[in-house]
N, C-alpha and C. Protein backbone atom coordinates (compact mmCIF):
# COMPACT_ATOMS: atom_id res chain seq x y z
N MET A 1 0.82 -1.20 0.00
CA MET A 1 0.00 0.00 0.00
C MET A 1 0.86 1.26 0.00
N LYS A 2 1.88 1.29 0.87
CA LYS A 2 2.70 2.49 0.96
C LYS A 2 3.46 2.74 -0.34
N CYS A 3 3.86 1.70 -1.04
CA CYS A 3 4.60 1.88 -2.29
C CYS A 3 3.73 2.51 -3.35
N LYS A 4 2.45 2.14 -3.40
CA LYS A 4 1.56 2.74 -4.40
C LYS A 4 1.41 4.24 -4.13
N GLY A 5 1.24 4.62 -2.89
CA GLY A 5 1.09 6.03 -2.55
C GLY A 5 2.34 6.82 -2.89
N LEU A 6 3.49 6.22 -2.63
CA LEU A 6 4.76 6.88 -2.93
C LEU A 6 4.93 7.04 -4.43
N ASN A 7 4.58 6.03 -5.20
CA ASN A 7 4.69 6.13 -6.66
C ASN A 7 3.76 7.20 -7.21
N GLU A 8 2.55 7.27 -6.69
CA GLU A 8 1.61 8.29 -7.14
C GLU A 8 2.13 9.69 -6.81
N LEU A 9 2.72 9.84 -5.64
CA LEU A 9 3.27 11.13 -5.23
C LEU A 9 4.42 11.54 -6.14
N MET A 10 5.27 10.60 -6.49
CA MET A 10 6.41 10.91 -7.36
C MET A 10 5.93 11.34 -8.75
N THR A 11 4.96 10.65 -9.30
CA THR A 11 4.49 11.02 -10.64
C THR A 11 3.72 12.34 -10.58
N GLU A 12 3.03 12.60 -9.50
CA GLU A 12 2.28 13.85 -9.37
C GLU A 12 3.22 15.03 -9.30
N GLU A 13 4.35 14.91 -8.62
CA GLU A 13 5.31 16.01 -8.51
C GLU A 13 5.92 16.34 -9.87
N GLU A 14 6.15 15.34 -10.69
CA GLU A 14 6.70 15.60 -12.02
C GLU A 14 5.70 16.41 -12.84
N GLY A 15 4.43 16.08 -12.74
CA GLY A 15 3.41 16.82 -13.46
C GLY A 15 3.33 18.26 -12.98
N MET A 16 3.44 18.46 -11.68
CA MET A 16 3.40 19.81 -11.15
C MET A 16 4.61 20.62 -11.61
N GLY A 17 5.75 19.98 -11.76
CA GLY A 17 6.93 20.69 -12.25
C GLY A 17 6.70 21.22 -13.66
N THR A 18 6.07 20.43 -14.49
CA THR A 18 5.76 20.85 -15.85
C THR A 18 4.80 22.03 -15.84
N VAL A 19 3.78 21.95 -15.00
CA VAL A 19 2.81 23.03 -14.91
C VAL A 19 3.49 24.30 -14.41
N GLU A 20 4.37 24.18 -13.46
CA GLU A 20 5.08 25.35 -12.93
C GLU A 20 5.94 25.99 -14.00
N VAL A 21 6.64 25.19 -14.79
CA VAL A 21 7.48 25.73 -15.86
C VAL A 21 6.63 26.45 -16.88
N ILE A 22 5.49 25.88 -17.24
CA ILE A 22 4.59 26.52 -18.21
C ILE A 22 4.07 27.84 -17.66
N LEU A 23 3.71 27.87 -16.39
CA LEU A 23 3.23 29.13 -15.79
C LEU A 23 4.32 30.20 -15.77
N ILE A 24 5.54 29.81 -15.47
CA ILE A 24 6.65 30.77 -15.47
C ILE A 24 6.85 31.34 -16.87
N ILE A 25 6.80 30.49 -17.88
CA ILE A 25 6.96 30.95 -19.26
C ILE A 25 5.84 31.91 -19.64
N VAL A 26 4.62 31.59 -19.24
CA VAL A 26 3.48 32.46 -19.55
C VAL A 26 3.66 33.83 -18.89
N VAL A 27 4.12 33.85 -17.64
CA VAL A 27 4.34 35.12 -16.94
C VAL A 27 5.44 35.93 -17.63
N LEU A 28 6.53 35.28 -18.02
CA LEU A 28 7.62 35.99 -18.70
C LEU A 28 7.18 36.57 -20.04
N VAL A 29 6.43 35.80 -20.80
CA VAL A 29 5.93 36.30 -22.08
C VAL A 29 4.99 37.47 -21.85
N GLY A 30 4.15 37.38 -20.82
CA GLY A 30 3.25 38.48 -20.50
C GLY A 30 4.01 39.74 -20.15
N LEU A 31 5.08 39.62 -19.37
CA LEU A 31 5.89 40.79 -19.02
C LEU A 31 6.54 41.42 -20.25
N VAL A 32 7.01 40.60 -21.15
CA VAL A 32 7.63 41.12 -22.37
C VAL A 32 6.58 41.87 -23.19
N VAL A 33 5.39 41.32 -23.28
CA VAL A 33 4.33 41.99 -24.05
C VAL A 33 3.96 43.31 -23.40
N ILE A 34 3.85 43.33 -22.07
CA ILE A 34 3.45 44.55 -21.36
C ILE A 34 4.50 45.64 -21.52
N PHE A 35 5.78 45.31 -21.38
CA PHE A 35 6.84 46.31 -21.37
C PHE A 35 7.54 46.47 -22.72
N LYS A 36 6.99 45.89 -23.78
CA LYS A 36 7.62 45.98 -25.08
C LYS A 36 7.77 47.42 -25.54
N LYS A 37 6.73 48.21 -25.41
CA LYS A 37 6.76 49.60 -25.86
C LYS A 37 7.82 50.39 -25.10
N GLU A 38 7.91 50.21 -23.80
CA GLU A 38 8.90 50.93 -23.01
C GLU A 38 10.32 50.54 -23.41
N ILE A 39 10.54 49.26 -23.63
CA ILE A 39 11.87 48.80 -24.03
C ILE A 39 12.25 49.37 -25.39
N VAL A 40 11.31 49.36 -26.32
CA VAL A 40 11.58 49.91 -27.66
C VAL A 40 11.86 51.40 -27.57
N ASP A 41 11.10 52.13 -26.76
CA ASP A 41 11.33 53.57 -26.60
C ASP A 41 12.72 53.86 -26.03
N ILE A 42 13.13 53.11 -25.04
CA ILE A 42 14.46 53.30 -24.44
C ILE A 42 15.56 53.05 -25.47
N VAL A 43 15.45 51.98 -26.22
CA VAL A 43 16.47 51.65 -27.22
C VAL A 43 16.50 52.71 -28.31
N ASN A 44 15.33 53.16 -28.76
CA ASN A 44 15.30 54.20 -29.79
C ASN A 44 15.92 55.50 -29.29
N ASN A 45 15.64 55.88 -28.05
CA ASN A 45 16.24 57.09 -27.48
C ASN A 45 17.76 56.97 -27.41
N LEU A 46 18.25 55.81 -27.03
CA LEU A 46 19.69 55.61 -26.96
C LEU A 46 20.33 55.75 -28.35
N PHE A 47 19.71 55.13 -29.36
CA PHE A 47 20.26 55.23 -30.71
C PHE A 47 20.19 56.66 -31.23
N ASP A 48 19.14 57.40 -30.89
CA ASP A 48 19.05 58.81 -31.29
C ASP A 48 20.18 59.62 -30.67
N LYS A 49 20.45 59.41 -29.39
CA LYS A 49 21.54 60.13 -28.71
C LYS A 49 22.89 59.77 -29.33
N ILE A 50 23.07 58.50 -29.63
CA ILE A 50 24.34 58.06 -30.22
C ILE A 50 24.52 58.70 -31.59
N SER A 51 23.49 58.70 -32.40
CA SER A 51 23.62 59.27 -33.75
C SER A 51 23.83 60.78 -33.68
N LYS A 52 23.21 61.48 -32.73
CA LYS A 52 23.43 62.92 -32.60
C LYS A 52 24.85 63.22 -32.16
N GLN A 53 25.40 62.40 -31.28
CA GLN A 53 26.78 62.63 -30.81
C GLN A 53 27.80 62.29 -31.91
N THR A 54 27.51 61.33 -32.74
CA THR A 54 28.45 61.00 -33.81
C THR A 54 28.44 62.07 -34.89
N ASP A 55 27.32 62.79 -35.06
CA ASP A 55 27.27 63.88 -36.02
C ASP A 55 28.19 65.03 -35.60
N LYS A 56 28.40 65.20 -34.31
CA LYS A 56 29.27 66.27 -33.80
C LYS A 56 30.73 65.97 -34.08
N ILE A 57 31.09 64.72 -34.22
CA ILE A 57 32.50 64.33 -34.39
C ILE A 57 32.95 64.56 -35.78
């Protein structure tokens, strides 16, 4: 009896690990989607500053 319970627990934990990894990926993708505009704006501003400074040289 105890071996069956232990086997079920082991297989259940593996399934939960998969679910946890999927949830983490979903959260990360969501953060990228939410902050995409801000990241693009920051990069564009940096490139604008770089190009303006190179024009002075």
